[in-house]
């Protein structure tokens, strides 16, 4: 939970925080944070491309490796891996005229 708070804080402390579009003068925010992580592989499933990782704090997480990563077959249980995770946030205010009900999206 503390890591999430730190990441969210970093997102909102990034600059420039608020930008105004020239055409419609609506506020928007576009920010990202890069986190470098080191974890040990404690389980893996080559078919589903799912890795179970344990970080130095003992937290266990599961991730799915993209099919773009071609060297998954070289990873073994016990390997220590170094990852770079990029979290991005983009919020744009749009006028009601252009919005459709329930049209919120995330990427």
Protein backbone atom coordinates (compact mmCIF):
# COMPACT_ATOMS: atom_id res chain seq x y z
CA UNK A 1 0.00 0.00 0.00
CA UNK A 2 2.85 2.39 0.84
CA UNK A 3 4.42 1.78 -2.58
CA UNK A 4 1.13 2.68 -4.27
CA UNK A 5 0.94 5.93 -2.29
CA UNK A 6 4.53 6.77 -3.22
CA UNK A 7 3.91 6.07 -6.91
CA UNK A 8 0.72 8.14 -6.91
CA UNK A 9 2.53 10.95 -5.11
CA UNK A 10 5.32 10.84 -7.70
CA UNK A 11 2.77 11.05 -10.50
CA UNK A 12 1.24 14.20 -9.11
CA UNK A 13 4.57 15.79 -8.23
CA UNK A 14 5.85 15.37 -11.79
CA UNK A 15 6.09 18.47 -13.86
CA UNK A 16 4.57 19.87 -15.87
CA UNK A 17 1.53 18.86 -13.91
CA UNK A 18 -1.31 20.63 -15.65
CA UNK A 19 -1.17 21.58 -19.31
CA UNK A 20 -3.74 23.53 -21.24
CA UNK A 21 -4.60 22.66 -24.83
CA UNK A 22 -4.39 25.59 -27.21
CA UNK A 23 -7.58 24.79 -29.11
CA UNK A 24 -10.13 24.34 -26.32
CA UNK A 25 -8.22 25.49 -23.22
CA UNK A 26 -9.30 22.39 -21.25
CA UNK A 27 -6.91 21.17 -18.54
CA UNK A 28 -5.14 17.86 -18.87
CA UNK A 29 -2.47 15.90 -17.05
CA UNK A 30 0.05 13.59 -18.63
CA UNK A 31 2.60 12.02 -16.33
CA UNK A 32 4.61 8.84 -15.93
CA UNK A 33 6.98 7.30 -13.44
CA UNK A 34 9.66 4.68 -14.04
CA UNK A 35 10.39 2.19 -11.26
CA UNK A 36 13.34 -0.21 -11.31
CA UNK A 37 12.62 -3.50 -9.52
CA UNK A 38 14.65 -6.58 -8.65
CA UNK A 39 12.86 -9.85 -7.90
CA UNK A 40 13.56 -13.57 -7.70
CA UNK A 41 11.61 -16.01 -9.84
CA UNK A 42 9.93 -18.53 -7.53
CA UNK A 43 7.61 -20.16 -10.09
CA UNK A 44 6.92 -19.93 -13.80
CA UNK A 45 4.54 -21.31 -16.37
CA UNK A 46 5.93 -21.17 -19.90
CA UNK A 47 2.56 -21.93 -21.55
CA UNK A 48 0.67 -19.05 -19.87
CA UNK A 49 3.86 -16.91 -19.72
CA UNK A 50 3.16 -16.24 -16.03
CA UNK A 51 6.00 -15.55 -13.60
CA UNK A 52 5.64 -15.62 -9.83
CA UNK A 53 8.15 -13.22 -8.29
CA UNK A 54 9.34 -12.48 -4.78
CA UNK A 55 10.81 -9.05 -4.12
CA UNK A 56 13.46 -8.29 -1.47
CA UNK A 57 10.70 -7.31 1.01
CA UNK A 58 9.17 -10.78 0.69
CA UNK A 59 6.13 -9.63 -1.30
CA UNK A 60 4.99 -12.18 -3.89
CA UNK A 61 3.40 -11.05 -7.15
CA UNK A 62 2.41 -12.72 -10.41
CA UNK A 63 3.02 -11.09 -13.76
CA UNK A 64 2.30 -12.15 -17.32
CA UNK A 65 5.21 -11.66 -19.68
CA UNK A 66 4.41 -10.08 -23.05
CA UNK A 67 4.78 -12.20 -26.15
CA UNK A 68 7.13 -9.45 -27.37
CA UNK A 69 9.71 -10.79 -24.91
CA UNK A 70 11.36 -13.62 -26.84
CA UNK A 71 13.80 -14.97 -24.21
CA UNK A 72 11.35 -16.28 -21.61
CA UNK A 73 12.59 -19.82 -22.26
CA UNK A 74 15.96 -18.78 -20.78
CA UNK A 75 14.42 -17.79 -17.42
CA UNK A 76 14.55 -20.43 -14.66
CA UNK A 77 13.21 -20.72 -11.11
CA UNK A 78 15.74 -19.07 -8.78
CA UNK A 79 16.88 -16.47 -11.31
CA UNK A 80 17.07 -12.88 -10.12
CA UNK A 81 15.58 -10.50 -12.65
CA UNK A 82 15.77 -6.74 -12.99
CA UNK A 83 12.72 -4.98 -14.41
CA UNK A 84 11.81 -1.47 -15.36
CA UNK A 85 8.12 -0.70 -14.87
CA UNK A 86 6.57 2.38 -16.44
CA UNK A 87 3.28 3.65 -15.01
CA UNK A 88 1.57 6.37 -16.99
CA UNK A 89 -1.39 8.59 -16.25
CA UNK A 90 -3.26 10.71 -18.76
CA UNK A 91 -6.36 12.70 -17.83
CA UNK A 92 -8.09 15.09 -20.18
CA UNK A 93 -11.15 17.22 -19.49
CA UNK A 94 -13.66 17.15 -22.34
CA UNK A 95 -16.84 19.12 -22.76
CA UNK A 96 -20.17 17.40 -22.24
CA UNK A 97 -21.03 18.00 -25.90
CA UNK A 98 -18.21 15.66 -26.96
CA UNK A 99 -18.62 13.03 -24.25
CA UNK A 100 -20.83 9.97 -24.44
CA UNK A 101 -22.36 8.51 -21.26
CA UNK A 102 -20.09 5.79 -19.92
CA UNK A 103 -17.28 6.74 -22.30
CA UNK A 104 -14.53 6.76 -19.68
CA UNK A 105 -11.50 4.84 -20.85
CA UNK A 106 -8.16 3.75 -19.52
CA UNK A 107 -5.02 2.54 -21.17
